[in-house]
Structure formats: structure tokens, C-alpha cells
Amino acid sequence: MGSEALQAIKVYRHLLKSVKKHIGLEDYKQHFRDFIMEEFKKNCKLSDPSSIQNKLKLGRDYTFLLNSVHHQKELLFSYNIAVDRSDEMKRILGKSAASVGLQLPEVYQP
């Protein structure tokens, strides 16, 4: 396997991981993953190195865009004081508790 093939695999994995994390795995969102898989399969037979590098750069850039948009959205949510952040705080506390192997109890709602 050449270095270009390893780069392509790395870009492919990172891109699918970002799509899974930020777009989701629901059935009605399947077309995002299908498009990415089709493009990588279609372009794996290219022989022009500059064309391959351009496609890999495009994949890296799109991965960076997905991650950045998601991060910016989280920052905007965290800075907006007027928004009720109780759900966000529950999510953060749940993640913190899960990181040490605990679960938060369900809060009784009368």
C-alpha cells in the first residue's frame, strides 16, 4: 500500500466519523454516508496524483468544516445566557459522571 492509499483511508475514516458524530446515523440521513462512499470508490481508480491530492484535500476540508460548525454551535449555545441551559447542564453532568463509571439518577417530575 502506498502512502497515498494510507492517506485516503485516513481521510475516509475521519470523514465518516465526523458525519456519524455531527449529522447522525438515522435512515433519512443515510444519503450523506452513501455519497461519501460512492465518491471514494469512484475516485480510487484515479491515476493522476494531483487529482488524488485535490480530492483528499477536499475530504479533509469538509471534515474540518463539519467539526468546526459543530464546535461553533456549541460555543454559541454556551455563551447565550438568555437560553435555558438546564438540559445542556444535565447532558454535561451526565457525561462527567459517565466518564468515571457512574450514572445520574432520574429526577422526579411531579
PDB file of N, CA and C in Angstrom:
ATOM      1  N   MET A   1       0.834  -1.177   0.000  1.00  0.00           N
ATOM      2  CA  MET A   1       0.000   0.000   0.000  1.00  0.00           C
ATOM      3  C   MET A   1       0.881   1.242   0.000  1.00  0.00           C
ATOM      4  N   GLY A   2       0.590   2.163  -0.890  1.00  0.00           N
ATOM      5  CA  GLY A   2       1.362   3.384  -0.952  1.00  0.00           C
ATOM      6  C   GLY A   2       0.907   4.394   0.080  1.00  0.00           C
ATOM      7  N   SER A   3       1.678   5.462   0.177  1.00  0.00           N
ATOM      8  CA  SER A   3       1.342   6.491   1.165  1.00  0.00           C
ATOM      9  C   SER A   3       0.041   7.211   0.795  1.00  0.00           C
ATOM     10  N   GLU A   4      -0.229   7.320  -0.513  1.00  0.00           N
ATOM     11  CA  GLU A   4      -1.479   7.956  -0.935  1.00  0.00           C
ATOM     12  C   GLU A   4      -2.685   7.123  -0.507  1.00  0.00           C
ATOM     13  N   ALA A   5      -2.559   5.811  -0.589  1.00  0.00           N
ATOM     14  CA  ALA A   5      -3.659   4.940  -0.176  1.00  0.00           C
ATOM     15  C   ALA A   5      -3.890   5.055   1.332  1.00  0.00           C
ATOM     16  N   LEU A   6      -2.823   5.130   2.097  1.00  0.00           N
ATOM     17  CA  LEU A   6      -2.966   5.280   3.546  1.00  0.00           C
ATOM     18  C   LEU A   6      -3.593   6.623   3.900  1.00  0.00           C
ATOM     19  N   GLN A   7      -3.197   7.676   3.173  1.00  0.00           N
ATOM     20  CA  GLN A   7      -3.801   8.989   3.400  1.00  0.00           C
ATOM     21  C   GLN A   7      -5.290   8.956   3.075  1.00  0.00           C
ATOM     22  N   ALA A   8      -5.631   8.295   1.968  1.00  0.00           N
ATOM     23  CA  ALA A   8      -7.034   8.212   1.557  1.00  0.00           C
ATOM     24  C   ALA A   8      -7.852   7.476   2.613  1.00  0.00           C
ATOM     25  N   ILE A   9      -7.329   6.394   3.150  1.00  0.00           N
ATOM     26  CA  ILE A   9      -8.038   5.632   4.184  1.00  0.00           C
ATOM     27  C   ILE A   9      -8.229   6.489   5.431  1.00  0.00           C
ATOM     28  N   LYS A  10      -7.191   7.228   5.796  1.00  0.00           N
ATOM     29  CA  LYS A  10      -7.261   8.088   6.978  1.00  0.00           C
ATOM     30  C   LYS A  10      -8.312   9.182   6.792  1.00  0.00           C
ATOM     31  N   VAL A  11      -8.311   9.835   5.640  1.00  0.00           N
ATOM     32  CA  VAL A  11      -9.289  10.889   5.354  1.00  0.00           C
ATOM     33  C   VAL A  11     -10.697  10.299   5.343  1.00  0.00           C
ATOM     34  N   TYR A  12     -10.853   9.143   4.717  1.00  0.00           N
ATOM     35  CA  TYR A  12     -12.151   8.464   4.622  1.00  0.00           C
ATOM     36  C   TYR A  12     -12.703   8.151   6.012  1.00  0.00           C
ATOM     37  N   ARG A  13     -11.864   7.596   6.875  1.00  0.00           N
ATOM     38  CA  ARG A  13     -12.296   7.236   8.221  1.00  0.00           C
ATOM     39  C   ARG A  13     -12.679   8.465   9.041  1.00  0.00           C
ATOM     40  N   HIS A  14     -11.847   9.523   8.952  1.00  0.00           N
ATOM     41  CA  HIS A  14     -12.143  10.746   9.699  1.00  0.00           C
ATOM     42  C   HIS A  14     -13.442  11.397   9.209  1.00  0.00           C
ATOM     43  N   LEU A  15     -13.645  11.385   7.906  1.00  0.00           N
ATOM     44  CA  LEU A  15     -14.850  11.983   7.336  1.00  0.00           C
ATOM     45  C   LEU A  15     -16.099  11.215   7.754  1.00  0.00           C
ATOM     46  N   LEU A  16     -16.056   9.893   7.674  1.00  0.00           N
ATOM     47  CA  LEU A  16     -17.218   9.101   8.101  1.00  0.00           C
ATOM     48  C   LEU A  16     -17.476   9.243   9.603  1.00  0.00           C
ATOM     49  N   LYS A  17     -16.417   9.358  10.373  1.00  0.00           N
ATOM     50  CA  LYS A  17     -16.556   9.537  11.818  1.00  0.00           C
ATOM     51  C   LYS A  17     -17.221  10.884  12.130  1.00  0.00           C
ATOM     52  N   SER A  18     -16.840  11.930  11.414  1.00  0.00           N
ATOM     53  CA  SER A  18     -17.448  13.245  11.620  1.00  0.00           C
ATOM     54  C   SER A  18     -18.909  13.257  11.195  1.00  0.00           C
ATOM     55  N   VAL A  19     -19.207  12.612  10.080  1.00  0.00           N
ATOM     56  CA  VAL A  19     -20.594  12.543   9.622  1.00  0.00           C
ATOM     57  C   VAL A  19     -21.434  11.782  10.639  1.00  0.00           C
ATOM     58  N   LYS A  20     -20.895  10.688  11.155  1.00  0.00           N
ATOM     59  CA  LYS A  20     -21.620   9.902  12.155  1.00  0.00           C
ATOM     60  C   LYS A  20     -21.884  10.721  13.420  1.00  0.00           C
ATOM     61  N   LYS A  21     -20.886  11.481  13.848  1.00  0.00           N
ATOM     62  CA  LYS A  21     -20.993  12.233  15.094  1.00  0.00           C
ATOM     63  C   LYS A  21     -21.879  13.465  14.957  1.00  0.00           C
ATOM     64  N   HIS A  22     -21.739  14.214  13.873  1.00  0.00           N
ATOM     65  CA  HIS A  22     -22.405  15.506  13.769  1.00  0.00           C
ATOM     66  C   HIS A  22     -23.687  15.486  12.942  1.00  0.00           C
ATOM     67  N   ILE A  23     -23.815  14.565  12.018  1.00  0.00           N
ATOM     68  CA  ILE A  23     -25.030  14.504  11.200  1.00  0.00           C
ATOM     69  C   ILE A  23     -25.952  13.422  11.735  1.00  0.00           C
ATOM     70  N   GLY A  24     -25.414  12.272  12.054  1.00  0.00           N
ATOM     71  CA  GLY A  24     -26.222  11.224  12.664  1.00  0.00           C
ATOM     72  C   GLY A  24     -26.300   9.971  11.813  1.00  0.00           C
ATOM     73  N   LEU A  25     -26.889   8.932  12.390  1.00  0.00           N
ATOM     74  CA  LEU A  25     -26.990   7.633  11.729  1.00  0.00           C
ATOM     75  C   LEU A  25     -28.419   7.258  11.353  1.00  0.00           C
ATOM     76  N   GLU A  26     -29.348   8.195  11.460  1.00  0.00           N
ATOM     77  CA  GLU A  26     -30.735   7.885  11.144  1.00  0.00           C
ATOM     78  C   GLU A  26     -30.868   7.504   9.671  1.00  0.00           C
ATOM     79  N   ASP A  27     -31.916   6.747   9.365  1.00  0.00           N
ATOM     80  CA  ASP A  27     -32.124   6.266   7.993  1.00  0.00           C
ATOM     81  C   ASP A  27     -32.323   7.394   6.998  1.00  0.00           C
ATOM     82  N   TYR A  28     -33.014   8.457   7.408  1.00  0.00           N
ATOM     83  CA  TYR A  28     -33.256   9.543   6.472  1.00  0.00           C
ATOM     84  C   TYR A  28     -32.012  10.405   6.219  1.00  0.00           C
ATOM     85  N   LYS A  29     -30.920  10.141   6.931  1.00  0.00           N
ATOM     86  CA  LYS A  29     -29.653  10.839   6.713  1.00  0.00           C
ATOM     87  C   LYS A  29     -28.613   9.936   6.049  1.00  0.00           C
ATOM     88  N   GLN A  30     -29.036   8.774   5.614  1.00  0.00           N
ATOM     89  CA  GLN A  30     -28.144   7.778   5.006  1.00  0.00           C
ATOM     90  C   GLN A  30     -27.481   8.310   3.737  1.00  0.00           C
ATOM     91  N   HIS A  31     -28.140   9.219   3.030  1.00  0.00           N
ATOM     92  CA  HIS A  31     -27.599   9.701   1.758  1.00  0.00           C
ATOM     93  C   HIS A  31     -26.266  10.423   1.921  1.00  0.00           C
ATOM     94  N   PHE A  32     -25.981  11.002   3.098  1.00  0.00           N
ATOM     95  CA  PHE A  32     -24.679  11.633   3.325  1.00  0.00           C
ATOM     96  C   PHE A  32     -23.568  10.581   3.264  1.00  0.00           C
ATOM     97  N   ARG A  33     -23.751   9.496   4.013  1.00  0.00           N
ATOM     98  CA  ARG A  33     -22.743   8.429   4.029  1.00  0.00           C
ATOM     99  C   ARG A  33     -22.642   7.751   2.675  1.00  0.00           C
ATOM    100  N   ASP A  34     -23.792   7.524   2.022  1.00  0.00           N
ATOM    101  CA  ASP A  34     -23.774   6.887   0.701  1.00  0.00           C
ATOM    102  C   ASP A  34     -22.985   7.716  -0.307  1.00  0.00           C
ATOM    103  N   PHE A  35     -23.179   9.035  -0.275  1.00  0.00           N
ATOM    104  CA  PHE A  35     -22.466   9.904  -1.206  1.00  0.00           C
ATOM    105  C   PHE A  35     -20.963   9.838  -0.974  1.00  0.00           C
ATOM    106  N   ILE A  36     -20.550   9.863   0.284  1.00  0.00           N
ATOM    107  CA  ILE A  36     -19.121   9.809   0.603  1.00  0.00           C
ATOM    108  C   ILE A  36     -18.525   8.485   0.142  1.00  0.00           C
ATOM    109  N   MET A  37     -19.221   7.380   0.391  1.00  0.00           N
ATOM    110  CA  MET A  37     -18.717   6.070  -0.026  1.00  0.00           C
ATOM    111  C   MET A  37     -18.617   5.971  -1.540  1.00  0.00           C
ATOM    112  N   GLU A  38     -19.618   6.479  -2.246  1.00  0.00           N
ATOM    113  CA  GLU A  38     -19.584   6.457  -3.709  1.00  0.00           C
ATOM    114  C   GLU A  38     -18.422   7.260  -4.258  1.00  0.00           C
ATOM    115  N   GLU A  39     -18.199   8.446  -3.700  1.00  0.00           N
ATOM    116  CA  GLU A  39     -17.117   9.299  -4.187  1.00  0.00           C
ATOM    117  C   GLU A  39     -15.753   8.648  -3.961  1.00  0.00           C
ATOM    118  N   PHE A  40     -15.547   8.049  -2.792  1.00  0.00           N
ATOM    119  CA  PHE A  40     -14.260   7.413  -2.540  1.00  0.00           C
ATOM    120  C   PHE A  40     -14.063   6.183  -3.430  1.00  0.00           C
ATOM    121  N   LYS A  41     -15.124   5.422  -3.663  1.00  0.00           N
ATOM    122  CA  LYS A  41     -14.998   4.256  -4.546  1.00  0.00           C
ATOM    123  C   LYS A  41     -14.737   4.684  -5.981  1.00  0.00           C
ATOM    124  N   LYS A  42     -15.424   5.740  -6.412  1.00  0.00           N
ATOM    125  CA  LYS A  42     -15.273   6.225  -7.777  1.00  0.00           C
ATOM    126  C   LYS A  42     -13.868   6.796  -8.010  1.00  0.00           C
ATOM    127  N   ASN A  43     -13.326   7.466  -7.013  1.00  0.00           N
ATOM    128  CA  ASN A  43     -12.038   8.139  -7.168  1.00  0.00           C
ATOM    129  C   ASN A  43     -10.845   7.273  -6.803  1.00  0.00           C
ATOM    130  N   CYS A  44     -11.066   6.047  -6.363  1.00  0.00           N
ATOM    131  CA  CYS A  44      -9.935   5.189  -6.006  1.00  0.00           C
ATOM    132  C   CYS A  44      -9.196   4.704  -7.249  1.00  0.00           C
ATOM    133  N   LYS A  45      -9.814   4.823  -8.404  1.00  0.00           N
ATOM    134  CA  LYS A  45      -9.189   4.366  -9.645  1.00  0.00           C
ATOM    135  C   LYS A  45      -8.472   5.480 -10.392  1.00  0.00           C
ATOM    136  N   LEU A  46      -8.390   6.661  -9.802  1.00  0.00           N
ATOM    137  CA  LEU A  46      -7.702   7.769 -10.455  1.00  0.00           C
ATOM    138  C   LEU A  46      -6.208   7.502 -10.495  1.00  0.00           C
ATOM    139  N   SER A  47      -5.567   7.918 -11.572  1.00  0.00           N
ATOM    140  CA  SER A  47      -4.127   7.697 -11.687  1.00  0.00           C
ATOM    141  C   SER A  47      -3.338   8.996 -11.577  1.00  0.00           C
ATOM    142  N   ASP A  48      -3.994  10.141 -11.719  1.00  0.00           N
ATOM    143  CA  ASP A  48      -3.319  11.437 -11.657  1.00  0.00           C
ATOM    144  C   ASP A  48      -3.075  11.823 -10.193  1.00  0.00           C
ATOM    145  N   PRO A  49      -1.798  11.918  -9.768  1.00  0.00           N
ATOM    146  CA  PRO A  49      -1.506  12.220  -8.358  1.00  0.00           C
ATOM    147  C   PRO A  49      -2.050  13.580  -7.908  1.00  0.00           C
ATOM    148  N   SER A  50      -2.032  14.582  -8.784  1.00  0.00           N
ATOM    149  CA  SER A  50      -2.527  15.899  -8.369  1.00  0.00           C
ATOM    150  C   SER A  50      -4.039  15.863  -8.156  1.00  0.00           C
ATOM    151  N   SER A  51      -4.731  15.093  -8.967  1.00  0.00           N
ATOM    152  CA  SER A  51      -6.179  14.952  -8.808  1.00  0.00           C
ATOM    153  C   SER A  51      -6.510  14.235  -7.506  1.00  0.00           C
ATOM    154  N   ILE A  52      -5.736  13.221  -7.180  1.00  0.00           N
ATOM    155  CA  ILE A  52      -5.940  12.474  -5.935  1.00  0.00           C
ATOM    156  C   ILE A  52      -5.709  13.395  -4.734  1.00  0.00           C
ATOM    157  N   GLN A  53      -4.639  14.174  -4.788  1.00  0.00           N
ATOM    158  CA  GLN A  53      -4.333  15.092  -3.689  1.00  0.00           C
ATOM    159  C   GLN A  53      -5.432  16.137  -3.519  1.00  0.00           C
ATOM    160  N   ASN A  54      -5.977  16.614  -4.645  1.00  0.00           N
ATOM    161  CA  ASN A  54      -7.071  17.588  -4.565  1.00  0.00           C
ATOM    162  C   ASN A  54      -8.302  16.989  -3.906  1.00  0.00           C
ATOM    163  N   LYS A  55      -8.618  15.746  -4.257  1.00  0.00           N
ATOM    164  CA  LYS A  55      -9.783  15.075  -3.667  1.00  0.00           C
ATOM    165  C   LYS A  55      -9.566  14.831  -2.172  1.00  0.00           C
ATOM    166  N   LEU A  56      -8.346  14.432  -1.786  1.00  0.00           N
ATOM    167  CA  LEU A  56      -8.058  14.204  -0.370  1.00  0.00           C
ATOM    168  C   LEU A  56      -8.126  15.510   0.412  1.00  0.00           C
ATOM    169  N   LYS A  57      -7.638  16.583  -0.175  1.00  0.00           N
ATOM    170  CA  LYS A  57      -7.709  17.898   0.475  1.00  0.00           C
ATOM    171  C   LYS A  57      -9.162  18.308   0.665  1.00  0.00           C
ATOM    172  N   LEU A  58      -9.989  18.048  -0.342  1.00  0.00           N
ATOM    173  CA  LEU A  58     -11.410  18.358  -0.239  1.00  0.00           C
ATOM    174  C   LEU A  58     -12.057  17.564   0.900  1.00  0.00           C
ATOM    175  N   GLY A  59     -11.704  16.299   1.035  1.00  0.00           N
ATOM    176  CA  GLY A  59     -12.230  15.473   2.123  1.00  0.00           C
ATOM    177  C   GLY A  59     -11.790  15.981   3.485  1.00  0.00           C
ATOM    178  N   ARG A  60     -10.510  16.351   3.610  1.00  0.00           N
ATOM    179  CA  ARG A  60     -10.011  16.903   4.880  1.00  0.00           C
ATOM    180  C   ARG A  60     -10.702  18.222   5.211  1.00  0.00           C
ATOM    181  N   ASP A  61     -10.877  19.062   4.197  1.00  0.00           N
ATOM    182  CA  ASP A  61     -11.529  20.356   4.414  1.00  0.00           C
ATOM    183  C   ASP A  61     -12.978  20.193   4.850  1.00  0.00           C
ATOM    184  N   TYR A  62     -13.684  19.235   4.249  1.00  0.00           N
ATOM    185  CA  TYR A  62     -15.076  19.022   4.627  1.00  0.00           C
ATOM    186  C   TYR A  62     -15.174  18.474   6.053  1.00  0.00           C
ATOM    187  N   THR A  63     -14.260  17.596   6.424  1.00  0.00           N
ATOM    188  CA  THR A  63     -14.228  17.081   7.798  1.00  0.00           C
ATOM    189  C   THR A  63     -13.995  18.224   8.774  1.00  0.00           C
ATOM    190  N   PHE A  64     -13.045  19.089   8.437  1.00  0.00           N
ATOM    191  CA  PHE A  64     -12.740  20.242   9.290  1.00  0.00           C
ATOM    192  C   PHE A  64     -13.955  21.159   9.394  1.00  0.00           C
ATOM    193  N   LEU A  65     -14.671  21.361   8.286  1.00  0.00           N
ATOM    194  CA  LEU A  65     -15.869  22.202   8.286  1.00  0.00           C
ATOM    195  C   LEU A  65     -16.941  21.617   9.200  1.00  0.00           C
ATOM    196  N   LEU A  66     -17.201  20.323   9.085  1.00  0.00           N
ATOM    197  CA  LEU A  66     -18.213  19.695   9.945  1.00  0.00           C
ATOM    198  C   LEU A  66     -17.872  19.861  11.421  1.00  0.00           C
ATOM    199  N   ASN A  67     -16.624  19.587  11.766  1.00  0.00           N
ATOM    200  CA  ASN A  67     -16.207  19.696  13.163  1.00  0.00           C
ATOM    201  C   ASN A  67     -16.269  21.139  13.651  1.00  0.00           C
ATOM    202  N   SER A  68     -15.879  22.079  12.811  1.00  0.00           N
ATOM    203  CA  SER A  68     -15.861  23.487  13.208  1.00  0.00           C
ATOM    204  C   SER A  68     -17.265  24.053  13.381  1.00  0.00           C
ATOM    205  N   VAL A  69     -18.164  23.705  12.488  1.00  0.00           N
ATOM    206  CA  VAL A  69     -19.539  24.186  12.598  1.00  0.00           C
ATOM    207  C   VAL A  69     -20.181  23.651  13.879  1.00  0.00           C
ATOM    208  N   HIS A  70     -19.938  22.386  14.168  1.00  0.00           N
ATOM    209  CA  HIS A  70     -20.495  21.798  15.388  1.00  0.00           C
ATOM    210  C   HIS A  70     -19.909  22.476  16.627  1.00  0.00           C
ATOM    211  N   HIS A  71     -18.606  22.726  16.613  1.00  0.00           N
ATOM    212  CA  HIS A  71     -17.948  23.372  17.754  1.00  0.00           C
ATOM    213  C   HIS A  71     -18.471  24.802  17.932  1.00  0.00           C
ATOM    214  N   GLN A  72     -18.636  25.531  16.835  1.00  0.00           N
ATOM    215  CA  GLN A  72     -19.149  26.896  16.922  1.00  0.00           C
ATOM    216  C   GLN A  72     -20.568  26.905  17.475  1.00  0.00           C
ATOM    217  N   LYS A  73     -21.371  25.949  17.055  1.00  0.00           N
ATOM    218  CA  LYS A  73     -22.744  25.855  17.551  1.00  0.00           C
ATOM    219  C   LYS A  73     -22.751  25.631  19.063  1.00  0.00           C
ATOM    220  N   GLU A  74     -21.882  24.766  19.542  1.00  0.00           N
ATOM    221  CA  GLU A  74     -21.791  24.531  20.986  1.00  0.00           C
ATOM    222  C   GLU A  74     -21.331  25.774  21.724  1.00  0.00           C
ATOM    223  N   LEU A  75     -20.363  26.507  21.146  1.00  0.00           N
ATOM    224  CA  LEU A  75     -19.898  27.737  21.780  1.00  0.00           C
ATOM    225  C   LEU A  75     -21.001  28.783  21.840  1.00  0.00           C
ATOM    226  N   LEU A  76     -21.732  28.950  20.758  1.00  0.00           N
ATOM    227  CA  LEU A  76     -22.822  29.921  20.750  1.00  0.00           C
ATOM    228  C   LEU A  76     -23.885  29.563  21.778  1.00  0.00           C
ATOM    229  N   PHE A  77     -24.169  28.281  21.913  1.00  0.00           N
ATOM    230  CA  PHE A  77     -25.117  27.838  22.930  1.00  0.00           C
ATOM    231  C   PHE A  77     -24.607  28.152  24.333  1.00  0.00           C
ATOM    232  N   SER A  78     -23.332  27.906  24.561  1.00  0.00           N
ATOM    233  CA  SER A  78     -22.786  28.099  25.902  1.00  0.00           C
ATOM    234  C   SER A  78     -22.665  29.571  26.278  1.00  0.00           C
ATOM    235  N   TYR A  79     -22.541  30.471  25.317  1.00  0.00           N
ATOM    236  CA  TYR A  79     -22.398  31.902  25.613  1.00  0.00           C
ATOM    237  C   TYR A  79     -23.739  32.611  25.769  1.00  0.00           C
ATOM    238  N   ASN A  80     -24.815  32.030  25.285  1.00  0.00           N
ATOM    239  CA  ASN A  80     -26.113  32.684  25.324  1.00  0.00           C
ATOM    240  C   ASN A  80     -26.726  32.499  26.703  1.00  0.00           C
ATOM    241  N   ILE A  81     -26.722  33.555  27.488  1.00  0.00           N
ATOM    242  CA  ILE A  81     -27.187  33.487  28.869  1.00  0.00           C
ATOM    243  C   ILE A  81     -28.708  33.431  28.932  1.00  0.00           C
ATOM    244  N   ALA A  82     -29.405  34.002  27.950  1.00  0.00           N
ATOM    245  CA  ALA A  82     -30.859  34.084  27.979  1.00  0.00           C
ATOM    246  C   ALA A  82     -31.531  32.733  27.726  1.00  0.00           C
ATOM    247  N   VAL A  83     -30.799  31.770  27.217  1.00  0.00           N
ATOM    248  CA  VAL A  83     -31.363  30.463  26.909  1.00  0.00           C
ATOM    249  C   VAL A  83     -31.351  29.590  28.155  1.00  0.00           C
ATOM    250  N   ASP A  84     -32.424  28.846  28.368  1.00  0.00           N
ATOM    251  CA  ASP A  84     -32.480  27.902  29.482  1.00  0.00           C
ATOM    252  C   ASP A  84     -31.475  26.789  29.232  1.00  0.00           C
ATOM    253  N   ARG A  85     -30.471  26.697  30.066  1.00  0.00           N
ATOM    254  CA  ARG A  85     -29.385  25.754  29.845  1.00  0.00           C
ATOM    255  C   ARG A  85     -29.482  24.538  30.754  1.00  0.00           C
ATOM    256  N   SER A  86     -30.619  24.286  31.338  1.00  0.00           N
ATOM    257  CA  SER A  86     -30.727  23.159  32.266  1.00  0.00           C
ATOM    258  C   SER A  86     -30.522  21.826  31.542  1.00  0.00           C
ATOM    259  N   ASP A  87     -31.068  21.685  30.328  1.00  0.00           N
ATOM    260  CA  ASP A  87     -30.867  20.445  29.576  1.00  0.00           C
ATOM    261  C   ASP A  87     -29.399  20.257  29.212  1.00  0.00           C
ATOM    262  N   GLU A  88     -28.758  21.354  28.828  1.00  0.00           N
ATOM    263  CA  GLU A  88     -27.332  21.278  28.476  1.00  0.00           C
ATOM    264  C   GLU A  88     -26.501  20.902  29.699  1.00  0.00           C
ATOM    265  N   MET A  89     -26.848  21.472  30.857  1.00  0.00           N
ATOM    266  CA  MET A  89     -26.100  21.165  32.076  1.00  0.00           C
ATOM    267  C   MET A  89     -26.309  19.708  32.490  1.00  0.00           C
ATOM    268  N   LYS A  90     -27.528  19.186  32.304  1.00  0.00           N
ATOM    269  CA  LYS A  90     -27.780  17.775  32.602  1.00  0.00           C
ATOM    270  C   LYS A  90     -26.927  16.881  31.710  1.00  0.00           C
ATOM    271  N   ARG A  91     -26.819  17.262  30.440  1.00  0.00           N
ATOM    272  CA  ARG A  91     -26.017  16.477  29.495  1.00  0.00           C
ATOM    273  C   ARG A  91     -24.542  16.503  29.901  1.00  0.00           C
ATOM    274  N   ILE A  92     -24.048  17.673  30.276  1.00  0.00           N
ATOM    275  CA  ILE A  92     -22.648  17.805  30.682  1.00  0.00           C
ATOM    276  C   ILE A  92     -22.382  17.017  31.963  1.00  0.00           C
ATOM    277  N   LEU A  93     -23.283  17.119  32.926  1.00  0.00           N
ATOM    278  CA  LEU A  93     -23.120  16.364  34.171  1.00  0.00           C
ATOM    279  C   LEU A  93     -23.201  14.862  33.922  1.00  0.00           C
ATOM    280  N   GLY A  94     -24.099  14.457  33.027  1.00  0.00           N
ATOM    281  CA  GLY A  94     -24.204  13.041  32.686  1.00  0.00           C
ATOM    282  C   GLY A  94     -22.932  12.519  32.039  1.00  0.00           C
ATOM    283  N   LYS A  95     -22.328  13.322  31.161  1.00  0.00           N
ATOM    284  CA  LYS A  95     -21.068  12.917  30.526  1.00  0.00           C
ATOM    285  C   LYS A  95     -19.949  12.832  31.555  1.00  0.00           C
ATOM    286  N   SER A  96     -19.917  13.782  32.478  1.00  0.00           N
ATOM    287  CA  SER A  96     -18.888  13.771  33.520  1.00  0.00           C
ATOM    288  C   SER A  96     -19.035  12.549  34.415  1.00  0.00           C
ATOM    289  N   ALA A  97     -20.257  12.242  34.790  1.00  0.00           N
ATOM    290  CA  ALA A  97     -20.491  11.074  35.637  1.00  0.00           C
ATOM    291  C   ALA A  97     -20.147   9.787  34.892  1.00  0.00           C
ATOM    292  N   ALA A  98     -20.501   9.735  33.611  1.00  0.00           N
ATOM    293  CA  ALA A  98     -20.216   8.531  32.823  1.00  0.00           C
ATOM    294  C   ALA A  98     -18.719   8.327  32.639  1.00  0.00           C
ATOM    295  N   SER A  99     -17.956   9.408  32.630  1.00  0.00           N
ATOM    296  CA  SER A  99     -16.511   9.266  32.428  1.00  0.00           C
ATOM    297  C   SER A  99     -15.834   8.561  33.600  1.00  0.00           C
ATOM    298  N   VAL A 100     -16.467   8.571  34.774  1.00  0.00           N
ATOM    299  CA  VAL A 100     -15.904   7.853  35.923  1.00  0.00           C
ATOM    300  C   VAL A 100     -16.729   6.616  36.263  1.00  0.00           C
ATOM    301  N   GLY A 101     -17.649   6.238  35.364  1.00  0.00           N
ATOM    302  CA  GLY A 101     -18.394   4.997  35.533  1.00  0.00           C
ATOM    303  C   GLY A 101     -19.659   5.100  36.356  1.00  0.00           C
ATOM    304  N   LEU A 102     -20.193   6.295  36.509  1.00  0.00           N
ATOM    305  CA  LEU A 102     -21.414   6.479  37.291  1.00  0.00           C
ATOM    306  C   LEU A 102     -22.561   6.904  36.395  1.00  0.00           C
ATOM    307  N   GLN A 103     -23.776   6.792  36.917  1.00  0.00           N
ATOM    308  CA  GLN A 103     -24.959   7.277  36.225  1.00  0.00           C
ATOM    309  C   GLN A 103     -25.722   8.205  37.163  1.00  0.00           C
ATOM    310  N   LEU A 104     -26.221   9.300  36.607  1.00  0.00           N
ATOM    311  CA  LEU A 104     -27.030  10.207  37.415  1.00  0.00           C
ATOM    312  C   LEU A 104     -28.415   9.607  37.581  1.00  0.00           C
ATOM    313  N   PRO A 105     -29.004   9.776  38.764  1.00  0.00           N
ATOM    314  CA  PRO A 105     -30.367   9.258  38.968  1.00  0.00           C
ATOM    315  C   PRO A 105     -31.369  10.118  38.204  1.00  0.00           C
ATOM    316  N   GLU A 106     -32.503   9.509  37.849  1.00  0.00           N
ATOM    317  CA  GLU A 106     -33.572  10.235  37.199  1.00  0.00           C
ATOM    318  C   GLU A 106     -34.223  11.149  38.237  1.00  0.00           C
ATOM    319  N   VAL A 107     -34.471  12.389  37.877  1.00  0.00           N
ATOM    320  CA  VAL A 107     -35.078  13.354  38.790  1.00  0.00           C
ATOM    321  C   VAL A 107     -36.596  13.211  38.721  1.00  0.00           C
ATOM    322  N   TYR A 108     -37.202  13.155  39.878  1.00  0.00           N
ATOM    323  CA  TYR A 108     -38.650  13.001  39.942  1.00  0.00           C
ATOM    324  C   TYR A 108     -39.331  14.269  39.455  1.00  0.00           C
ATOM    325  N   GLN A 109     -40.264  14.121  38.511  1.00  0.00           N
ATOM    326  CA  GLN A 109     -41.059  15.241  37.984  1.00  0.00           C
ATOM    327  C   GLN A 109     -42.507  15.008  38.356  1.00  0.00           C
ATOM    328  N   PRO A 110     -43.075  15.787  39.317  1.00  0.00           N
ATOM    329  CA  PRO A 110     -44.469  15.553  39.735  1.00  0.00           C
ATOM    330  C   PRO A 110     -45.465  15.904  38.646  1.00  0.00           C
TER     331      PRO A 110
END
